[in-house]
Amino acid sequence: MNKYIRTSLAGLLTSTMIAGAAVAAGTHPETGEALAADQTFTYRILDEHSSVDPQVVEDVSGAEIVRDLFEGLMNQDEDGNLVPGVATGYTTNDTKDVYTFTLRDEAKWSNGDPVTAGDFVYAWKRAVDPALSSPYAWFMELMSIENASEIIAGEKPVDELGVKAIDDHTLEVTLSAPLPYFPQMTTHSTTFPAPQKVIEEFGDAWTKPENIVSNGAYVLTEHLPQERSVRERNENYWDNDNTIIEKVVALVINDENVALTRYLAGELDRTEVPAGQFPRLQKEHPEEAISFPRLCNYYYTFNLSDGGPEAFKDPNVRQALSLAVDRKIITENIMAGGQPQAYTFAPAATAGFDVPDVEMASMSQAERDELAKELLAEAGYGPDNPLSFEMVYNTSEAHKKVAVALSQMWKQKLGVNAELANMEWKIFLEERGNQNFDLARGAWCGDYNEASTFLDLLQSDSGYNDGKYNNARVDELLAEAKTADDAAPLYTEVERIIAQETPVIPIYHYAGVYMMDSDVGNWPVNNVEQNWYSKNLYKVAE
């Protein structure tokens, strides 16, 4: 597999022939390792994915599948660096508000049709079209594409989006403001191309295995909802000769302990480590139990909408609940997988982000607890008037353990009554998105490696601001950060406002805590975004 940017057609052909010959001979073309006869990668996911439509998918497990089925302008390598995808490269003007991508001639759809710049134009217009109601339409706004905001708001026609095909292999994007990290955002699934004639023929059914046409390294061959999804090599993929994994199987297993049992029985190549079990498994399986930083946060969000609980409109109440959370107990005793405690929304793993000093982080837990009691009393809650609310989370043993711990901490320290409710994933997303909750679990994995991917969730108009937090100063700072030469001071101020007003309770920042079969080669542990591509993996012979 070639991870570098190919600079010439001759180089492409030579490297492809060498790689293809090596794979055919049963050895890895770069490492020389003997390859397993069965190149099937099987892994566990917690919930049924939301979709495999690039402009509709909104969850991590769905995006993992979409990255295999479709390919965008740019990809990432094992360290998270940009590498060519459908585009061989790009140029930009001096003001960085016009980007021009050159598409490779040999890119094809799985039905043999060429992938053209028009396929990206169609997909991007589709993403902002109010008729689709894409849950990620707001991401196109974040990309600062000209007129995206007005189109999403229904104020301008879709055809005025700042994207056009100069010819079949040249895509030009015009931005409303300079955005130096714009190319990094094109690795996100929402920006992937879409096959217009297939969508128009089959409508919502276009993503079924019997109908779908895709341009990535794999095609969807089977999908049994709530059970399994299978993708197999796309023979028409432009880099198919360098692909080693033949088949990828995602199994929906809601119980992480059941998943671990199936992993140990040899049925899975990868599964998440159940909460609290990493220390034991690391001792028993040192070559298979792994933990590494991830660009994700775990938090609870307050419903601050007009219909939310009256109690949560008081920032003292929100801050009291956050102060009383003993994050060390959660990270060390419950999760125990190397997750760092979180007192800021953006993780330390974020590129160019200096974690600001926030008062809570420097306090002892005893000091936090004492202040929490004072704040809650000031808000009028105590033994004679206990604070009560419902907290919701999606079904998972780990999420349940964290929720139980939070409710017990609040009960013992503050006399708070928190009723727990778990929901199946899709229902949970819908209820949270419609503000049908008091306090809800949240988690976010960065769509690109820059602090705004997290902090923009708390911008008042964000599509994923499920708590409907609204702060004019935060909005102003985030808008300013998009064009600032140095956004770090702006992000620091945003984090300090968040820490003071507490629209969310950061709990911890993620680690990738997996059981990974030692036969799996090239898992990108150094890519904190964990944008992994099955075409870059391989399995070695035992």
Protein backbone atom coordinates (compact mmCIF):
# COMPACT_ATOMS: atom_id res chain seq x y z
CA MET A 1 0.00 0.00 0.00
CA ASN A 2 1.41 3.36 -1.01
CA LYS A 3 0.84 6.11 1.54
CA TYR A 4 2.68 8.90 -0.30
CA ILE A 5 1.39 11.40 -2.83
CA ARG A 6 1.98 9.97 -6.28
CA THR A 7 3.45 12.58 -8.61
CA SER A 8 3.21 10.92 -11.98
CA LEU A 9 1.21 8.38 -13.91
CA ALA A 10 4.36 6.33 -14.51
CA GLY A 11 5.01 6.22 -10.78
CA LEU A 12 1.42 5.18 -10.16
CA LEU A 13 1.58 2.31 -12.63
CA THR A 14 4.94 1.07 -11.35
CA SER A 15 3.93 1.13 -7.69
CA THR A 16 0.61 -0.54 -8.46
CA MET A 17 2.28 -3.37 -10.39
CA ILE A 18 4.81 -3.97 -7.63
CA ALA A 19 2.16 -3.92 -4.91
CA GLY A 20 -0.20 -6.13 -6.89
CA ALA A 21 2.52 -8.68 -7.52
CA ALA A 22 3.50 -8.76 -3.85
CA VAL A 23 -0.08 -9.21 -2.68
CA ALA A 24 -0.61 -11.95 -5.23
CA ALA A 25 2.49 -13.67 -3.87
CA GLY A 26 1.03 -13.61 -0.34
CA THR A 27 3.37 -11.01 1.18
CA HIS A 28 2.87 -7.41 2.16
CA PRO A 29 4.32 -5.13 -0.55
CA GLU A 30 6.10 -2.85 1.93
CA THR A 31 6.84 -4.87 5.07
CA GLY A 32 7.37 -8.28 3.45
CA GLU A 33 5.17 -9.94 6.08
CA ALA A 34 3.38 -13.14 5.12
CA LEU A 35 -0.29 -12.37 4.65
CA ALA A 36 -3.16 -14.47 6.00
CA ALA A 37 -5.12 -16.43 3.43
CA ASP A 38 -8.39 -15.01 4.80
CA GLN A 39 -8.33 -11.22 4.57
CA THR A 40 -11.60 -10.57 6.43
CA PHE A 41 -11.70 -7.88 9.11
CA THR A 42 -14.58 -8.28 11.60
CA TYR A 43 -15.31 -5.75 14.30
CA ARG A 44 -18.01 -4.86 16.78
CA ILE A 45 -20.18 -1.74 16.89
CA LEU A 46 -22.49 -0.79 19.75
CA ASP A 47 -25.53 0.35 17.78
CA GLU A 48 -27.04 0.18 14.33
CA HIS A 49 -25.50 2.97 12.24
CA SER A 50 -27.69 5.95 11.31
CA SER A 51 -27.16 5.68 7.54
CA VAL A 52 -24.64 4.96 4.78
CA ASP A 53 -25.76 8.00 2.78
CA PRO A 54 -22.77 10.40 2.99
CA GLN A 55 -25.01 13.44 3.32
CA VAL A 56 -27.23 11.83 5.97
CA VAL A 57 -24.92 9.78 8.24
CA GLU A 58 -24.40 11.40 11.64
CA ASP A 59 -22.65 8.86 13.88
CA VAL A 60 -19.12 7.52 14.21
CA SER A 61 -19.86 3.90 13.32
CA GLY A 62 -21.81 4.99 10.25
CA ALA A 63 -19.00 7.30 9.15
CA GLU A 64 -16.54 4.39 9.44
CA ILE A 65 -18.63 2.42 6.97
CA VAL A 66 -19.10 5.41 4.67
CA ARG A 67 -15.31 6.02 4.53
CA ASP A 68 -14.96 2.53 3.05
CA LEU A 69 -17.86 2.82 0.63
CA PHE A 70 -17.13 6.35 -0.59
CA GLU A 71 -14.03 8.44 -1.10
CA GLY A 72 -13.83 12.20 -0.79
CA LEU A 73 -11.38 14.71 -2.17
CA MET A 74 -8.73 14.00 0.45
CA ASN A 75 -7.97 11.13 2.84
CA GLN A 76 -5.79 10.81 5.94
CA ASP A 77 -2.73 8.66 6.54
CA GLU A 78 -1.90 6.74 9.72
CA ASP A 79 -0.75 9.93 11.45
CA GLY A 80 -3.74 12.03 10.42
CA ASN A 81 -1.90 13.87 7.65
CA LEU A 82 -3.75 14.76 4.44
CA VAL A 83 -3.14 12.47 1.46
CA PRO A 84 -4.86 12.36 -1.94
CA GLY A 85 -8.26 10.75 -2.33
CA VAL A 86 -10.26 11.38 -5.46
CA ALA A 87 -8.27 14.61 -5.72
CA THR A 88 -4.57 14.37 -6.49
CA GLY A 89 -4.07 17.77 -4.89
CA TYR A 90 -5.33 21.33 -4.63
CA THR A 91 -4.29 24.96 -4.99
CA THR A 92 -5.57 28.09 -3.32
CA ASN A 93 -5.40 31.80 -4.00
CA ASP A 94 -3.44 34.28 -1.87
CA THR A 95 -6.43 35.12 0.30
CA LYS A 96 -7.31 31.45 0.86
CA ASP A 97 -10.94 31.91 -0.06
CA VAL A 98 -10.89 29.97 -3.34
CA TYR A 99 -9.71 26.35 -3.43
CA THR A 100 -9.29 24.39 -6.66
CA PHE A 101 -9.06 20.59 -6.53
CA THR A 102 -7.73 18.44 -9.38
CA LEU A 103 -9.50 15.07 -9.64
CA ARG A 104 -7.74 11.94 -10.82
CA ASP A 105 -8.69 10.60 -14.25
CA GLU A 106 -8.94 6.98 -13.12
CA ALA A 107 -11.52 7.44 -10.31
CA LYS A 108 -14.67 5.40 -11.01
CA TRP A 109 -17.97 4.52 -9.41
CA SER A 110 -18.61 0.87 -8.61
CA ASN A 111 -20.78 0.62 -11.75
CA GLY A 112 -17.84 1.75 -13.90
CA ASP A 113 -18.96 5.35 -14.46
CA PRO A 114 -16.25 8.00 -14.04
CA VAL A 115 -16.22 10.10 -10.86
CA THR A 116 -16.41 13.74 -11.91
CA ALA A 117 -16.31 17.17 -10.31
CA GLY A 118 -20.05 17.32 -11.00
CA ASP A 119 -20.59 14.45 -8.55
CA PHE A 120 -19.10 16.59 -5.79
CA VAL A 121 -21.11 19.64 -6.84
CA TYR A 122 -24.30 17.56 -6.70
CA ALA A 123 -23.41 16.10 -3.28
CA TRP A 124 -22.50 19.44 -1.71
CA LYS A 125 -25.65 21.12 -3.00
CA ARG A 126 -27.60 18.15 -1.72
CA ALA A 127 -26.04 18.56 1.74
CA VAL A 128 -27.25 22.16 2.09
CA ASP A 129 -30.62 21.65 0.39
CA PRO A 130 -33.41 22.18 2.96
CA ALA A 131 -35.36 19.48 1.11
CA LEU A 132 -32.92 16.82 2.38
CA SER A 133 -32.70 18.22 5.93
CA SER A 134 -29.22 16.77 6.34
CA PRO A 135 -28.31 16.52 10.04
CA TYR A 136 -24.86 17.73 9.00
CA ALA A 137 -25.92 20.69 6.85
CA TRP A 138 -24.39 22.93 9.49
CA PHE A 139 -20.98 21.39 8.74
CA MET A 140 -21.13 22.96 5.28
CA GLU A 141 -21.69 26.29 7.03
CA LEU A 142 -18.62 25.66 9.18
CA MET A 143 -16.66 25.12 5.97
CA SER A 144 -17.54 28.73 5.08
CA ILE A 145 -18.72 27.75 1.60
CA GLU A 146 -20.17 30.80 -0.09
CA ASN A 147 -23.96 31.15 0.43
CA ALA A 148 -24.23 27.91 2.44
CA SER A 149 -25.83 29.63 5.42
CA GLU A 150 -28.39 31.48 3.29
CA ILE A 151 -29.31 28.32 1.32
CA ILE A 152 -29.78 26.26 4.49
CA ALA A 153 -31.99 29.03 5.87
CA GLY A 154 -34.07 28.95 2.69
CA GLU A 155 -33.04 32.49 1.72
CA LYS A 156 -31.18 31.60 -1.49
CA PRO A 157 -31.54 28.84 -4.11
CA VAL A 158 -29.30 25.76 -3.89
CA ASP A 159 -27.63 26.60 -7.20
CA GLU A 160 -25.96 29.63 -5.63
CA LEU A 161 -23.69 27.48 -3.45
CA GLY A 162 -20.06 28.47 -4.00
CA VAL A 163 -18.97 25.26 -5.69
CA LYS A 164 -18.66 24.53 -9.41
CA ALA A 165 -17.16 22.06 -11.84
CA ILE A 166 -14.72 23.89 -14.12
CA ASP A 167 -14.54 20.62 -16.06
CA ASP A 168 -14.91 16.94 -15.19
CA HIS A 169 -11.63 16.90 -13.28
CA THR A 170 -11.50 20.39 -11.75
CA LEU A 171 -13.58 21.43 -8.75
CA GLU A 172 -13.57 25.06 -7.62
CA VAL A 173 -14.84 26.08 -4.18
CA THR A 174 -15.42 29.70 -3.19
CA LEU A 175 -15.56 30.56 0.51
CA SER A 176 -17.29 33.45 2.25
CA ALA A 177 -14.16 33.98 4.36
CA PRO A 178 -10.60 32.58 4.38
CA LEU A 179 -10.32 29.21 6.07
CA PRO A 180 -6.78 27.82 6.19
CA TYR A 181 -7.87 24.37 7.42
CA PHE A 182 -10.55 23.97 4.73
CA PRO A 183 -8.77 21.02 2.97
CA GLN A 184 -8.73 19.05 6.24
CA MET A 185 -12.51 19.33 6.36
CA THR A 186 -12.86 17.49 3.04
CA THR A 187 -12.06 14.19 4.75
CA HIS A 188 -15.51 14.37 6.36
CA SER A 189 -18.24 12.09 5.00
CA THR A 190 -20.70 14.94 4.33
CA THR A 191 -18.36 16.19 1.57
CA PHE A 192 -18.12 12.84 -0.24
CA PRO A 193 -19.57 12.57 -3.77
CA ALA A 194 -23.02 11.14 -4.42
CA PRO A 195 -24.33 9.31 -7.53
CA GLN A 196 -27.12 11.56 -8.78
CA LYS A 197 -28.75 9.19 -11.27
CA VAL A 198 -28.90 6.35 -8.70
CA ILE A 199 -30.42 8.59 -6.04
CA GLU A 200 -32.97 9.93 -8.51
CA GLU A 201 -33.87 6.39 -9.59
CA PHE A 202 -34.25 4.77 -6.18
CA GLY A 203 -34.95 7.66 -3.79
CA ASP A 204 -34.43 6.77 -0.13
CA ALA A 205 -33.84 3.13 -1.11
CA TRP A 206 -30.65 3.99 -3.02
CA THR A 207 -28.41 2.86 -0.14
CA LYS A 208 -29.76 -0.70 -0.07
CA PRO A 209 -27.11 -3.28 -1.08
CA GLU A 210 -28.99 -4.17 -4.26
CA ASN A 211 -29.14 -0.51 -5.38
CA ILE A 212 -26.15 1.34 -3.99
CA VAL A 213 -23.38 2.66 -6.23
CA SER A 214 -20.27 3.95 -4.45
CA ASN A 215 -16.77 5.13 -5.32
CA GLY A 216 -14.69 3.91 -2.37
CA ALA A 217 -12.49 0.86 -1.92
CA TYR A 218 -15.50 -1.29 -0.95
CA VAL A 219 -19.10 -1.92 -1.93
CA LEU A 220 -21.99 -2.76 0.39
CA THR A 221 -22.97 -6.40 -0.13
CA GLU A 222 -25.15 -7.13 2.90
CA HIS A 223 -27.07 -5.22 5.55
CA LEU A 224 -29.22 -6.82 8.22
CA PRO A 225 -30.46 -3.99 10.47
CA GLN A 226 -29.47 -4.34 14.14
CA GLU A 227 -27.30 -7.33 13.21
CA ARG A 228 -24.57 -6.92 10.59
CA SER A 229 -23.23 -4.90 7.69
CA VAL A 230 -20.80 -6.33 5.12
CA ARG A 231 -18.65 -4.53 2.58
CA GLU A 232 -16.39 -6.18 0.00
CA ARG A 233 -13.71 -4.94 -2.35
CA ASN A 234 -14.76 -2.65 -5.15
CA GLU A 235 -13.03 -3.96 -8.27
CA ASN A 236 -13.55 -0.59 -9.96
CA TYR A 237 -11.78 1.39 -7.22
CA TRP A 238 -8.82 3.26 -8.72
CA ASP A 239 -6.36 1.84 -6.15
CA ASN A 240 -7.85 -1.63 -5.90
CA ASP A 241 -4.53 -3.34 -6.69
CA ASN A 242 -3.10 -1.92 -3.48
CA THR A 243 -6.04 -3.04 -1.30
CA ILE A 244 -5.41 -6.15 0.79
CA ILE A 245 -8.46 -6.59 3.07
CA GLU A 246 -11.10 -8.40 0.99
CA LYS A 247 -14.13 -8.15 3.26
CA VAL A 248 -15.14 -6.04 6.26
CA VAL A 249 -17.90 -7.13 8.62
CA ALA A 250 -19.44 -4.83 11.26
CA LEU A 251 -21.46 -6.73 13.86
CA VAL A 252 -23.97 -4.93 16.08
CA ILE A 253 -23.44 -6.22 19.62
CA ASN A 254 -25.14 -4.05 22.23
CA ASP A 255 -23.50 -5.72 25.25
CA GLU A 256 -19.78 -5.01 25.47
CA ASN A 257 -19.18 -8.01 27.74
CA VAL A 258 -20.80 -10.30 25.19
CA ALA A 259 -18.61 -8.65 22.55
CA LEU A 260 -15.49 -9.34 24.63
CA THR A 261 -16.48 -12.99 25.00
CA ARG A 262 -16.93 -13.28 21.24
CA TYR A 263 -13.58 -11.56 20.67
CA LEU A 264 -11.80 -14.00 22.99
CA ALA A 265 -13.53 -16.84 21.12
CA GLY A 266 -11.95 -15.63 17.89
CA GLU A 267 -15.13 -14.23 16.29
CA LEU A 268 -13.93 -10.59 16.22
CA ASP A 269 -10.72 -8.84 15.24
CA ARG A 270 -11.53 -5.71 17.25
CA THR A 271 -13.85 -4.74 20.07
CA GLU A 272 -14.00 -2.06 22.74
CA VAL A 273 -12.73 -2.97 26.20
CA PRO A 274 -15.60 -2.95 28.73
CA ALA A 275 -15.38 -0.24 31.37
CA GLY A 276 -12.94 -1.09 34.15
CA GLN A 277 -11.44 -4.18 32.53
CA PHE A 278 -8.43 -2.71 30.71
CA PRO A 279 -5.87 -3.24 33.54
CA ARG A 280 -6.74 -6.96 33.74
CA LEU A 281 -6.86 -7.50 30.01
CA GLN A 282 -3.57 -5.66 29.50
CA LYS A 283 -1.89 -8.12 31.87
CA GLU A 284 -3.56 -11.17 30.34
CA HIS A 285 -3.27 -10.09 26.67
CA PRO A 286 -0.42 -7.55 26.48
CA GLU A 287 -0.18 -7.72 22.67
CA GLU A 288 -3.91 -7.19 22.14
CA ALA A 289 -5.13 -4.70 24.78
CA ILE A 290 -4.31 -1.20 23.55
CA SER A 291 -5.06 2.36 24.70
CA PHE A 292 -4.21 5.60 22.91
CA PRO A 293 -5.49 9.22 22.88
CA ARG A 294 -8.54 10.05 20.80
CA LEU A 295 -10.00 13.32 19.61
CA CYS A 296 -13.30 12.87 21.44
CA ASN A 297 -15.05 14.18 24.53
CA TYR A 298 -17.66 12.67 26.86
CA TYR A 299 -20.08 15.05 28.54
CA TYR A 300 -23.62 15.69 29.74
CA THR A 301 -25.62 18.54 28.27
CA PHE A 302 -28.33 20.57 29.99
CA ASN A 303 -31.59 21.33 28.18
CA LEU A 304 -31.51 25.12 28.19
CA SER A 305 -34.32 25.55 25.68
CA ASP A 306 -37.53 27.33 26.63
CA GLY A 307 -39.08 23.95 27.38
CA GLY A 308 -36.19 22.76 29.54
CA PRO A 309 -36.29 22.49 33.35
CA GLU A 310 -36.58 25.83 35.12
CA ALA A 311 -33.87 24.80 37.58
CA PHE A 312 -31.28 24.48 34.81
CA LYS A 313 -31.76 28.08 33.76
CA ASP A 314 -29.75 29.00 36.86
CA PRO A 315 -25.99 28.70 36.13
CA ASN A 316 -25.35 28.09 39.85
CA VAL A 317 -27.36 24.87 39.64
CA ARG A 318 -25.47 23.74 36.56
CA GLN A 319 -22.10 24.57 38.04
CA ALA A 320 -22.95 22.82 41.31
CA LEU A 321 -23.71 19.59 39.48
CA SER A 322 -20.47 19.83 37.50
CA LEU A 323 -18.37 20.57 40.61
CA ALA A 324 -19.78 17.57 42.47
CA VAL A 325 -18.65 15.12 39.76
CA ASP A 326 -15.53 13.28 40.94
CA ARG A 327 -13.98 12.71 37.54
CA LYS A 328 -11.05 10.77 38.98
CA ILE A 329 -13.39 8.04 40.21
CA ILE A 330 -14.95 7.79 36.75
CA THR A 331 -11.67 7.71 34.81
CA GLU A 332 -9.66 5.52 37.19
CA ASN A 333 -12.23 3.26 38.85
CA ILE A 334 -15.04 2.96 36.29
CA MET A 335 -13.43 3.39 32.88
CA ALA A 336 -9.81 2.54 33.81
CA GLY A 337 -8.61 2.73 30.22
CA GLY A 338 -6.33 5.76 30.25
CA GLN A 339 -9.05 8.37 29.71
CA PRO A 340 -8.02 11.85 30.94
CA GLN A 341 -10.35 13.81 33.23
CA ALA A 342 -12.09 16.68 31.43
CA TYR A 343 -12.55 20.21 32.73
CA THR A 344 -12.59 21.77 29.26
CA PHE A 345 -14.76 20.85 26.30
CA ALA A 346 -11.94 20.44 23.75
CA PRO A 347 -9.40 17.68 24.49
CA ALA A 348 -5.67 18.23 24.97
CA ALA A 349 -5.11 16.00 21.91
CA THR A 350 -6.53 18.76 19.67
CA ALA A 351 -3.89 20.18 17.33
CA GLY A 352 -2.72 23.67 18.31
CA PHE A 353 -4.98 23.77 21.39
CA ASP A 354 -3.45 24.88 24.67
CA VAL A 355 -5.67 23.63 27.48
CA PRO A 356 -6.58 26.79 29.43
CA ASP A 357 -6.48 27.01 33.20
CA VAL A 358 -10.02 26.84 34.54
CA GLU A 359 -10.64 27.31 38.23
CA MET A 360 -12.36 23.98 38.80
CA ALA A 361 -9.39 21.99 37.52
CA SER A 362 -7.03 23.40 40.15
CA MET A 363 -9.37 22.75 43.09
CA SER A 364 -9.36 19.63 45.25
CA GLN A 365 -12.48 17.49 45.07
CA ALA A 366 -13.31 18.44 48.66
CA GLU A 367 -13.19 22.11 47.67
CA ARG A 368 -15.38 21.44 44.65
CA ASP A 369 -17.93 19.59 46.76
CA GLU A 370 -18.10 22.40 49.32
CA LEU A 371 -18.61 25.04 46.64
CA ALA A 372 -21.26 22.86 44.97
CA LYS A 373 -23.27 22.75 48.20
CA GLU A 374 -23.04 26.53 48.58
CA LEU A 375 -24.13 27.20 45.00
CA LEU A 376 -27.07 24.81 45.17
CA ALA A 377 -28.22 26.33 48.46
CA GLU A 378 -27.99 29.82 46.95
CA ALA A 379 -30.21 28.58 44.13
CA GLY A 380 -32.82 27.50 46.69
CA TYR A 381 -32.32 23.75 46.71
CA GLY A 382 -31.67 21.61 49.76
CA PRO A 383 -33.20 18.93 52.04
CA ASP A 384 -36.58 20.71 52.12
CA ASN A 385 -36.59 21.37 48.37
CA PRO A 386 -34.48 18.69 46.64
CA LEU A 387 -33.50 19.17 43.02
CA SER A 388 -35.00 16.46 40.80
CA PHE A 389 -34.58 15.75 37.09
CA GLU A 390 -34.25 12.93 34.55
CA MET A 391 -30.96 12.09 32.85
CA VAL A 392 -30.91 10.07 29.63
CA TYR A 393 -28.22 8.07 27.88
CA ASN A 394 -28.07 5.59 25.01
CA THR A 395 -28.03 1.92 25.92
CA SER A 396 -24.55 0.75 26.91
CA GLU A 397 -23.14 -0.87 30.03
CA ALA A 398 -20.37 1.75 30.21
CA HIS A 399 -22.81 4.66 29.79
CA LYS A 400 -24.99 3.12 32.49
CA LYS A 401 -22.08 2.82 34.93
CA VAL A 402 -21.13 6.46 34.42
CA ALA A 403 -24.76 7.62 34.77
CA VAL A 404 -25.24 5.60 37.96
CA ALA A 405 -22.01 7.03 39.40
CA LEU A 406 -23.09 10.60 38.61
CA SER A 407 -26.53 10.12 40.14
CA GLN A 408 -25.00 8.62 43.31
CA MET A 409 -22.47 11.44 43.64
CA TRP A 410 -25.23 14.04 43.33
CA LYS A 411 -27.48 12.18 45.76
CA GLN A 412 -24.84 11.66 48.44
CA LYS A 413 -23.25 15.13 48.23
CA LEU A 414 -26.16 17.36 47.29
CA GLY A 415 -29.35 15.43 48.02
CA VAL A 416 -30.24 15.56 44.30
CA ASN A 417 -32.67 13.03 42.83
CA ALA A 418 -31.58 12.09 39.30
CA GLU A 419 -33.78 9.50 37.60
CA LEU A 420 -31.99 7.43 34.95
CA ALA A 421 -33.42 6.49 31.56
CA ASN A 422 -31.68 4.64 28.75
CA MET A 423 -32.76 4.70 25.11
CA GLU A 424 -31.93 2.84 21.92
CA TRP A 425 -29.49 4.89 19.81
CA LYS A 426 -31.78 6.26 17.08
CA ILE A 427 -34.54 7.14 19.56
CA PHE A 428 -31.94 8.78 21.80
CA LEU A 429 -30.64 10.92 18.93
CA GLU A 430 -34.17 11.97 18.03
CA GLU A 431 -35.23 12.80 21.58
CA ARG A 432 -32.03 14.74 22.28
CA GLY A 433 -32.27 16.58 18.97
CA ASN A 434 -35.86 17.58 19.76
CA GLN A 435 -34.98 18.75 23.31
CA ASN A 436 -37.12 16.04 24.87
CA PHE A 437 -34.81 15.65 27.88
CA ASP A 438 -33.63 17.32 31.07
CA LEU A 439 -29.97 16.23 31.13
CA ALA A 440 -28.55 14.07 28.31
CA ARG A 441 -25.34 12.22 27.67
CA GLY A 442 -23.27 13.65 24.84
CA ALA A 443 -20.03 12.72 23.12
CA TRP A 444 -18.25 14.23 20.18
CA CYS A 445 -15.38 13.02 18.03
CA GLY A 446 -13.68 15.76 16.05
CA ASP A 447 -14.69 16.10 12.40
CA TYR A 448 -11.30 17.72 11.80
CA ASN A 449 -8.34 18.40 14.09
CA GLU A 450 -8.92 21.95 15.30
CA ALA A 451 -10.59 23.24 18.47
CA SER A 452 -13.56 24.70 16.60
CA THR A 453 -14.80 21.17 15.82
CA PHE A 454 -15.75 20.94 19.51
CA LEU A 455 -16.44 24.52 20.51
CA ASP A 456 -18.72 25.18 17.53
CA LEU A 457 -21.18 22.69 19.07
CA LEU A 458 -21.96 25.41 21.61
CA GLN A 459 -22.49 28.10 19.01
CA SER A 460 -26.13 29.15 19.26
CA ASP A 461 -27.11 28.07 15.71
CA SER A 462 -25.13 24.82 15.60
CA GLY A 463 -27.08 21.83 14.34
CA TYR A 464 -25.76 19.77 17.25
CA ASN A 465 -26.30 22.34 19.99
CA ASP A 466 -28.94 20.02 21.45
CA GLY A 467 -29.05 21.90 24.75
CA LYS A 468 -29.77 25.19 22.89
CA TYR A 469 -27.10 27.11 24.80
CA ASN A 470 -27.01 30.70 23.60
CA ASN A 471 -24.26 33.16 24.44
CA ALA A 472 -23.64 36.14 22.17
CA ARG A 473 -20.02 36.51 23.30
CA VAL A 474 -19.29 32.86 22.53
CA ASP A 475 -20.82 33.28 19.07
CA GLU A 476 -18.72 36.39 18.51
CA LEU A 477 -15.48 34.69 19.60
CA LEU A 478 -16.08 31.64 17.45
CA ALA A 479 -16.86 33.78 14.40
CA GLU A 480 -13.70 35.80 14.99
CA ALA A 481 -11.61 32.64 15.40
CA LYS A 482 -12.40 31.47 11.87
CA THR A 483 -10.32 34.25 10.33
CA ALA A 484 -7.86 34.96 13.15
CA ASP A 485 -4.13 34.49 12.60
CA ASP A 486 -3.96 33.11 16.14
CA ALA A 487 -7.24 31.66 17.38
CA ALA A 488 -5.81 30.21 20.62
CA PRO A 489 -6.65 33.22 22.87
CA LEU A 490 -10.19 33.23 21.49
CA TYR A 491 -10.66 29.53 22.22
CA THR A 492 -9.26 30.06 25.73
CA GLU A 493 -11.89 32.71 26.40
CA VAL A 494 -14.65 30.46 25.06
CA GLU A 495 -13.55 27.62 27.35
CA ARG A 496 -13.50 29.94 30.36
CA ILE A 497 -17.02 31.16 29.59
CA ILE A 498 -18.17 27.55 29.26
CA ALA A 499 -16.52 26.65 32.57
CA GLN A 500 -18.29 29.56 34.27
CA GLU A 501 -21.74 29.16 32.70
CA THR A 502 -21.63 25.34 32.50
CA PRO A 503 -24.02 24.57 29.62
CA VAL A 504 -22.35 21.15 29.58
CA ILE A 505 -20.57 18.96 32.12
CA PRO A 506 -17.32 17.64 30.60
CA ILE A 507 -16.58 14.25 32.18
CA TYR A 508 -13.56 12.81 30.38
CA HIS A 509 -11.75 12.82 27.08
CA TYR A 510 -11.60 9.59 25.17
CA ALA A 511 -8.91 7.03 24.75
CA GLY A 512 -9.11 4.32 22.10
CA VAL A 513 -9.37 1.31 24.41
CA TYR A 514 -9.55 -1.81 22.28
CA MET A 515 -8.89 -5.46 22.14
CA MET A 516 -7.19 -5.71 18.74
CA ASP A 517 -6.11 -9.01 17.24
CA SER A 518 -2.33 -8.96 16.89
CA ASP A 519 -2.83 -10.30 13.34
CA VAL A 520 -4.27 -6.91 12.26
CA GLY A 521 -1.62 -4.73 10.69
CA ASN A 522 -1.39 -0.96 10.30
CA TRP A 523 -4.12 0.20 12.70
CA PRO A 524 -3.63 4.02 12.84
CA VAL A 525 -3.02 4.47 16.58
CA ASN A 526 -1.28 7.80 15.91
CA ASN A 527 -4.32 9.29 14.18
CA VAL A 528 -6.20 10.92 17.07
CA GLU A 529 -9.24 11.41 14.86
CA GLN A 530 -9.30 7.63 14.26
CA ASN A 531 -10.31 8.08 10.64
CA TRP A 532 -9.38 4.57 9.62
CA TYR A 533 -9.68 3.05 6.17
CA SER A 534 -9.98 -0.71 5.69
CA LYS A 535 -7.99 -0.44 2.47
CA ASN A 536 -4.93 0.46 4.57
CA LEU A 537 -5.24 -2.56 6.87
CA TYR A 538 -4.06 -6.13 6.38
CA LYS A 539 -3.95 -9.40 8.30
CA VAL A 540 -0.72 -11.31 8.76
CA ALA A 541 -0.45 -15.08 8.67
CA GLU A 542 -0.38 -16.72 12.11
